[in-house]
Amino acid sequence: MNSSAPDPMDGFDATIHAPIRLRICALLDTAGEAEFALVQRQLALSASVLSKHVAVLMEAGFVEQRKAVRDTRQRVWLRLTPYGREAYQAHLAALRAIVGPVAH
């Protein structure tokens, strides 16, 4: 079958697919931007585990961070980059293609 339609599986991304990274992307996709501590609480992760996964996502160009002082303390906010949002949405499309239509 030679179709000109793109294969949704082309959007599958192993970097995003790791469960913790998928959850980080899902949270940031919904929130737009979230403080590191909030992401940590929402996902019930230690700071070190979250940091490691955020570093992988940043290295891939999917997540960026913004540092600023608030209440005399340095805070870090995370958000998906435009590239990261596109990759996350493509990954979701690939997952939907894998599981097919959901029957109720």
N, C-alpha and C. Protein backbone atom coordinates (compact mmCIF):
# COMPACT_ATOMS: atom_id res chain seq x y z
N MET A 1 0.85 -1.17 0.00
CA MET A 1 0.00 0.00 0.00
C MET A 1 0.90 1.23 0.00
N ASN A 2 0.78 2.06 -1.02
CA ASN A 2 1.58 3.27 -1.13
C ASN A 2 0.66 4.47 -0.97
N SER A 3 0.59 4.97 0.22
CA SER A 3 -0.30 6.08 0.52
C SER A 3 0.52 7.33 0.77
N SER A 4 -0.02 8.47 0.36
CA SER A 4 0.69 9.73 0.60
C SER A 4 0.42 10.26 2.01
N ALA A 5 -0.53 9.65 2.72
CA ALA A 5 -0.83 10.09 4.08
C ALA A 5 0.34 9.71 4.99
N PRO A 6 0.73 10.61 5.90
CA PRO A 6 1.83 10.28 6.80
C PRO A 6 1.44 9.15 7.75
N ASP A 7 2.40 8.34 8.06
CA ASP A 7 2.18 7.25 9.01
C ASP A 7 2.23 7.81 10.42
N PRO A 8 1.13 7.69 11.20
CA PRO A 8 1.15 8.26 12.56
C PRO A 8 2.24 7.64 13.44
N MET A 9 2.68 6.44 13.06
CA MET A 9 3.75 5.81 13.85
C MET A 9 5.07 6.56 13.71
N ASP A 10 5.18 7.39 12.68
CA ASP A 10 6.39 8.20 12.53
C ASP A 10 6.57 9.14 13.72
N GLY A 11 5.47 9.45 14.40
CA GLY A 11 5.52 10.37 15.54
C GLY A 11 5.91 9.71 16.85
N PHE A 12 6.02 8.37 16.87
CA PHE A 12 6.38 7.69 18.11
C PHE A 12 7.77 8.14 18.53
N ASP A 13 7.91 8.56 19.78
CA ASP A 13 9.18 9.07 20.27
C ASP A 13 9.57 8.35 21.55
N ALA A 14 10.62 7.56 21.49
CA ALA A 14 11.06 6.77 22.65
C ALA A 14 11.48 7.66 23.82
N THR A 15 11.97 8.86 23.52
CA THR A 15 12.38 9.77 24.60
C THR A 15 11.16 10.20 25.41
N ILE A 16 10.10 10.55 24.73
CA ILE A 16 8.87 10.98 25.41
C ILE A 16 8.16 9.79 26.04
N HIS A 17 8.26 8.60 25.42
CA HIS A 17 7.46 7.46 25.82
C HIS A 17 7.74 6.93 27.23
N ALA A 18 8.95 7.15 27.74
CA ALA A 18 9.24 6.70 29.11
C ALA A 18 8.16 7.25 30.03
N PRO A 19 7.55 6.41 30.88
CA PRO A 19 6.37 6.83 31.65
C PRO A 19 6.51 8.16 32.39
N ILE A 20 7.61 8.39 33.07
CA ILE A 20 7.74 9.64 33.82
C ILE A 20 7.83 10.82 32.85
N ARG A 21 8.59 10.66 31.76
CA ARG A 21 8.70 11.76 30.80
C ARG A 21 7.38 12.02 30.09
N LEU A 22 6.62 10.97 29.83
CA LEU A 22 5.30 11.14 29.23
C LEU A 22 4.39 11.92 30.17
N ARG A 23 4.45 11.63 31.45
CA ARG A 23 3.64 12.34 32.43
C ARG A 23 4.08 13.80 32.56
N ILE A 24 5.39 14.06 32.50
CA ILE A 24 5.88 15.44 32.55
C ILE A 24 5.34 16.21 31.35
N CYS A 25 5.44 15.62 30.17
CA CYS A 25 4.96 16.29 28.95
C CYS A 25 3.45 16.53 29.03
N ALA A 26 2.71 15.56 29.52
CA ALA A 26 1.26 15.71 29.63
C ALA A 26 0.91 16.85 30.57
N LEU A 27 1.59 16.93 31.70
CA LEU A 27 1.32 18.00 32.66
C LEU A 27 1.66 19.35 32.05
N LEU A 28 2.82 19.45 31.40
CA LEU A 28 3.23 20.73 30.83
C LEU A 28 2.38 21.12 29.63
N ASP A 29 1.89 20.14 28.89
CA ASP A 29 1.02 20.44 27.76
C ASP A 29 -0.27 21.08 28.26
N THR A 30 -0.78 20.59 29.38
CA THR A 30 -2.01 21.12 29.96
C THR A 30 -1.77 22.45 30.67
N ALA A 31 -0.69 22.53 31.44
CA ALA A 31 -0.43 23.71 32.27
C ALA A 31 0.17 24.88 31.49
N GLY A 32 0.86 24.58 30.42
CA GLY A 32 1.58 25.63 29.70
C GLY A 32 2.95 25.84 30.30
N GLU A 33 2.98 26.21 31.56
CA GLU A 33 4.22 26.38 32.30
C GLU A 33 3.93 26.01 33.75
N ALA A 34 4.87 25.34 34.39
CA ALA A 34 4.66 24.93 35.78
C ALA A 34 5.97 25.02 36.54
N GLU A 35 5.86 25.42 37.79
CA GLU A 35 7.04 25.48 38.63
C GLU A 35 7.53 24.06 38.92
N PHE A 36 8.84 23.90 38.95
CA PHE A 36 9.47 22.60 39.18
C PHE A 36 8.86 21.90 40.40
N ALA A 37 8.71 22.64 41.50
CA ALA A 37 8.18 22.05 42.73
C ALA A 37 6.75 21.54 42.55
N LEU A 38 5.96 22.25 41.75
CA LEU A 38 4.59 21.81 41.48
C LEU A 38 4.59 20.51 40.68
N VAL A 39 5.44 20.44 39.65
CA VAL A 39 5.54 19.21 38.86
C VAL A 39 5.98 18.06 39.76
N GLN A 40 6.93 18.34 40.61
CA GLN A 40 7.43 17.33 41.55
C GLN A 40 6.30 16.80 42.43
N ARG A 41 5.49 17.71 42.99
CA ARG A 41 4.38 17.29 43.86
C ARG A 41 3.30 16.55 43.06
N GLN A 42 2.93 17.09 41.90
CA GLN A 42 1.85 16.50 41.11
C GLN A 42 2.19 15.07 40.68
N LEU A 43 3.46 14.83 40.36
CA LEU A 43 3.87 13.51 39.87
C LEU A 43 4.45 12.63 40.98
N ALA A 44 4.50 13.17 42.19
CA ALA A 44 5.01 12.43 43.35
C ALA A 44 6.40 11.85 43.08
N LEU A 45 7.31 12.74 42.66
CA LEU A 45 8.68 12.34 42.35
C LEU A 45 9.66 13.06 43.27
N SER A 46 10.81 12.45 43.46
CA SER A 46 11.87 13.16 44.18
C SER A 46 12.45 14.21 43.23
N ALA A 47 13.07 15.22 43.80
CA ALA A 47 13.68 16.27 42.98
C ALA A 47 14.74 15.69 42.05
N SER A 48 15.50 14.73 42.54
CA SER A 48 16.58 14.17 41.71
C SER A 48 16.03 13.38 40.53
N VAL A 49 14.97 12.60 40.75
CA VAL A 49 14.37 11.83 39.65
C VAL A 49 13.77 12.79 38.62
N LEU A 50 13.04 13.79 39.09
CA LEU A 50 12.46 14.76 38.17
C LEU A 50 13.56 15.48 37.39
N SER A 51 14.62 15.90 38.07
CA SER A 51 15.72 16.60 37.42
C SER A 51 16.33 15.77 36.31
N LYS A 52 16.53 14.47 36.56
CA LYS A 52 17.13 13.60 35.55
C LYS A 52 16.25 13.50 34.31
N HIS A 53 14.95 13.36 34.51
CA HIS A 53 14.04 13.24 33.37
C HIS A 53 13.89 14.57 32.63
N VAL A 54 13.86 15.67 33.37
CA VAL A 54 13.79 16.99 32.73
C VAL A 54 15.05 17.22 31.91
N ALA A 55 16.20 16.80 32.42
CA ALA A 55 17.46 16.97 31.69
C ALA A 55 17.41 16.24 30.35
N VAL A 56 16.85 15.04 30.33
CA VAL A 56 16.73 14.27 29.08
C VAL A 56 15.82 15.02 28.10
N LEU A 57 14.69 15.52 28.62
CA LEU A 57 13.75 16.26 27.77
C LEU A 57 14.36 17.57 27.26
N MET A 58 15.16 18.22 28.09
CA MET A 58 15.82 19.46 27.67
C MET A 58 16.87 19.17 26.61
N GLU A 59 17.63 18.11 26.81
CA GLU A 59 18.67 17.73 25.85
C GLU A 59 18.06 17.43 24.47
N ALA A 60 16.85 16.88 24.47
CA ALA A 60 16.16 16.57 23.22
C ALA A 60 15.51 17.81 22.61
N GLY A 61 15.49 18.91 23.36
CA GLY A 61 14.88 20.14 22.87
C GLY A 61 13.38 20.21 23.10
N PHE A 62 12.85 19.33 23.96
CA PHE A 62 11.41 19.25 24.21
C PHE A 62 10.94 20.17 25.33
N VAL A 63 11.81 20.43 26.30
CA VAL A 63 11.44 21.23 27.47
C VAL A 63 12.48 22.32 27.68
N GLU A 64 12.01 23.46 28.14
CA GLU A 64 12.93 24.53 28.52
C GLU A 64 12.58 24.98 29.93
N GLN A 65 13.57 25.57 30.57
CA GLN A 65 13.32 26.07 31.92
C GLN A 65 13.61 27.55 31.99
N ARG A 66 12.91 28.18 32.91
CA ARG A 66 13.09 29.61 33.17
C ARG A 66 13.35 29.74 34.66
N LYS A 67 14.43 30.42 35.00
CA LYS A 67 14.76 30.62 36.41
C LYS A 67 14.48 32.06 36.79
N ALA A 68 13.90 32.23 37.96
CA ALA A 68 13.61 33.58 38.46
C ALA A 68 13.54 33.52 39.98
N VAL A 69 13.73 34.67 40.60
CA VAL A 69 13.64 34.75 42.06
C VAL A 69 12.21 35.11 42.43
N ARG A 70 11.65 34.34 43.35
CA ARG A 70 10.32 34.64 43.88
C ARG A 70 10.37 34.39 45.38
N ASP A 71 9.86 35.30 46.15
CA ASP A 71 9.88 35.18 47.62
C ASP A 71 11.31 34.95 48.11
N THR A 72 12.23 35.68 47.55
CA THR A 72 13.67 35.64 47.89
C THR A 72 14.34 34.29 47.60
N ARG A 73 13.65 33.40 46.91
CA ARG A 73 14.22 32.10 46.56
C ARG A 73 14.22 31.93 45.05
N GLN A 74 15.27 31.29 44.55
CA GLN A 74 15.30 31.01 43.11
C GLN A 74 14.31 29.88 42.81
N ARG A 75 13.49 30.12 41.82
CA ARG A 75 12.50 29.12 41.39
C ARG A 75 12.79 28.76 39.94
N VAL A 76 12.37 27.57 39.57
CA VAL A 76 12.54 27.10 38.19
C VAL A 76 11.16 26.75 37.64
N TRP A 77 10.84 27.32 36.49
CA TRP A 77 9.60 26.99 35.80
C TRP A 77 9.94 26.18 34.56
N LEU A 78 9.10 25.21 34.27
CA LEU A 78 9.30 24.34 33.12
C LEU A 78 8.17 24.53 32.12
N ARG A 79 8.49 24.38 30.84
CA ARG A 79 7.46 24.40 29.82
C ARG A 79 7.95 23.64 28.60
N LEU A 80 6.99 23.15 27.83
CA LEU A 80 7.33 22.50 26.57
C LEU A 80 7.76 23.58 25.58
N THR A 81 8.75 23.28 24.79
CA THR A 81 9.12 24.16 23.68
C THR A 81 8.09 23.92 22.57
N PRO A 82 8.00 24.81 21.60
CA PRO A 82 7.11 24.53 20.46
C PRO A 82 7.44 23.18 19.81
N TYR A 83 8.71 22.88 19.67
CA TYR A 83 9.15 21.58 19.13
C TYR A 83 8.69 20.44 20.04
N GLY A 84 8.79 20.64 21.35
CA GLY A 84 8.38 19.62 22.32
C GLY A 84 6.88 19.38 22.28
N ARG A 85 6.11 20.45 22.16
CA ARG A 85 4.65 20.31 22.08
C ARG A 85 4.27 19.53 20.82
N GLU A 86 4.92 19.85 19.71
CA GLU A 86 4.66 19.16 18.45
C GLU A 86 5.04 17.67 18.57
N ALA A 87 6.19 17.40 19.17
CA ALA A 87 6.63 16.02 19.35
C ALA A 87 5.68 15.25 20.27
N TYR A 88 5.23 15.90 21.34
CA TYR A 88 4.30 15.27 22.28
C TYR A 88 2.98 14.94 21.57
N GLN A 89 2.45 15.89 20.81
CA GLN A 89 1.19 15.66 20.10
C GLN A 89 1.35 14.54 19.07
N ALA A 90 2.49 14.50 18.37
CA ALA A 90 2.75 13.44 17.40
C ALA A 90 2.86 12.09 18.11
N HIS A 91 3.45 12.08 19.29
CA HIS A 91 3.57 10.84 20.05
C HIS A 91 2.19 10.35 20.48
N LEU A 92 1.33 11.27 20.92
CA LEU A 92 -0.03 10.87 21.29
C LEU A 92 -0.77 10.28 20.09
N ALA A 93 -0.58 10.89 18.92
CA ALA A 93 -1.22 10.36 17.71
C ALA A 93 -0.72 8.95 17.41
N ALA A 94 0.58 8.73 17.61
CA ALA A 94 1.15 7.40 17.38
C ALA A 94 0.56 6.39 18.37
N LEU A 95 0.42 6.80 19.63
CA LEU A 95 -0.16 5.90 20.63
C LEU A 95 -1.61 5.56 20.27
N ARG A 96 -2.37 6.55 19.80
CA ARG A 96 -3.76 6.29 19.39
C ARG A 96 -3.78 5.33 18.20
N ALA A 97 -2.83 5.45 17.29
CA ALA A 97 -2.76 4.54 16.15
C ALA A 97 -2.46 3.11 16.60
N ILE A 98 -1.66 2.99 17.65
CA ILE A 98 -1.30 1.66 18.17
C ILE A 98 -2.53 1.01 18.81
N VAL A 99 -3.23 1.75 19.67
CA VAL A 99 -4.34 1.15 20.42
C VAL A 99 -5.62 1.11 19.62
N GLY A 100 -5.72 1.90 18.57
CA GLY A 100 -6.93 1.90 17.75
C GLY A 100 -8.06 2.60 18.46
N PRO A 101 -9.23 2.58 17.85
CA PRO A 101 -10.37 3.25 18.47
C PRO A 101 -10.75 2.58 19.80
N VAL A 102 -11.11 3.40 20.73
CA VAL A 102 -11.50 2.89 22.05
C VAL A 102 -13.00 2.56 22.02
N ALA A 103 -13.30 1.31 22.34
CA ALA A 103 -14.71 0.89 22.37
C ALA A 103 -15.25 1.09 23.79
N HIS A 104 -16.47 1.54 23.87
CA HIS A 104 -17.11 1.75 25.20
C HIS A 104 -18.20 0.77 25.41
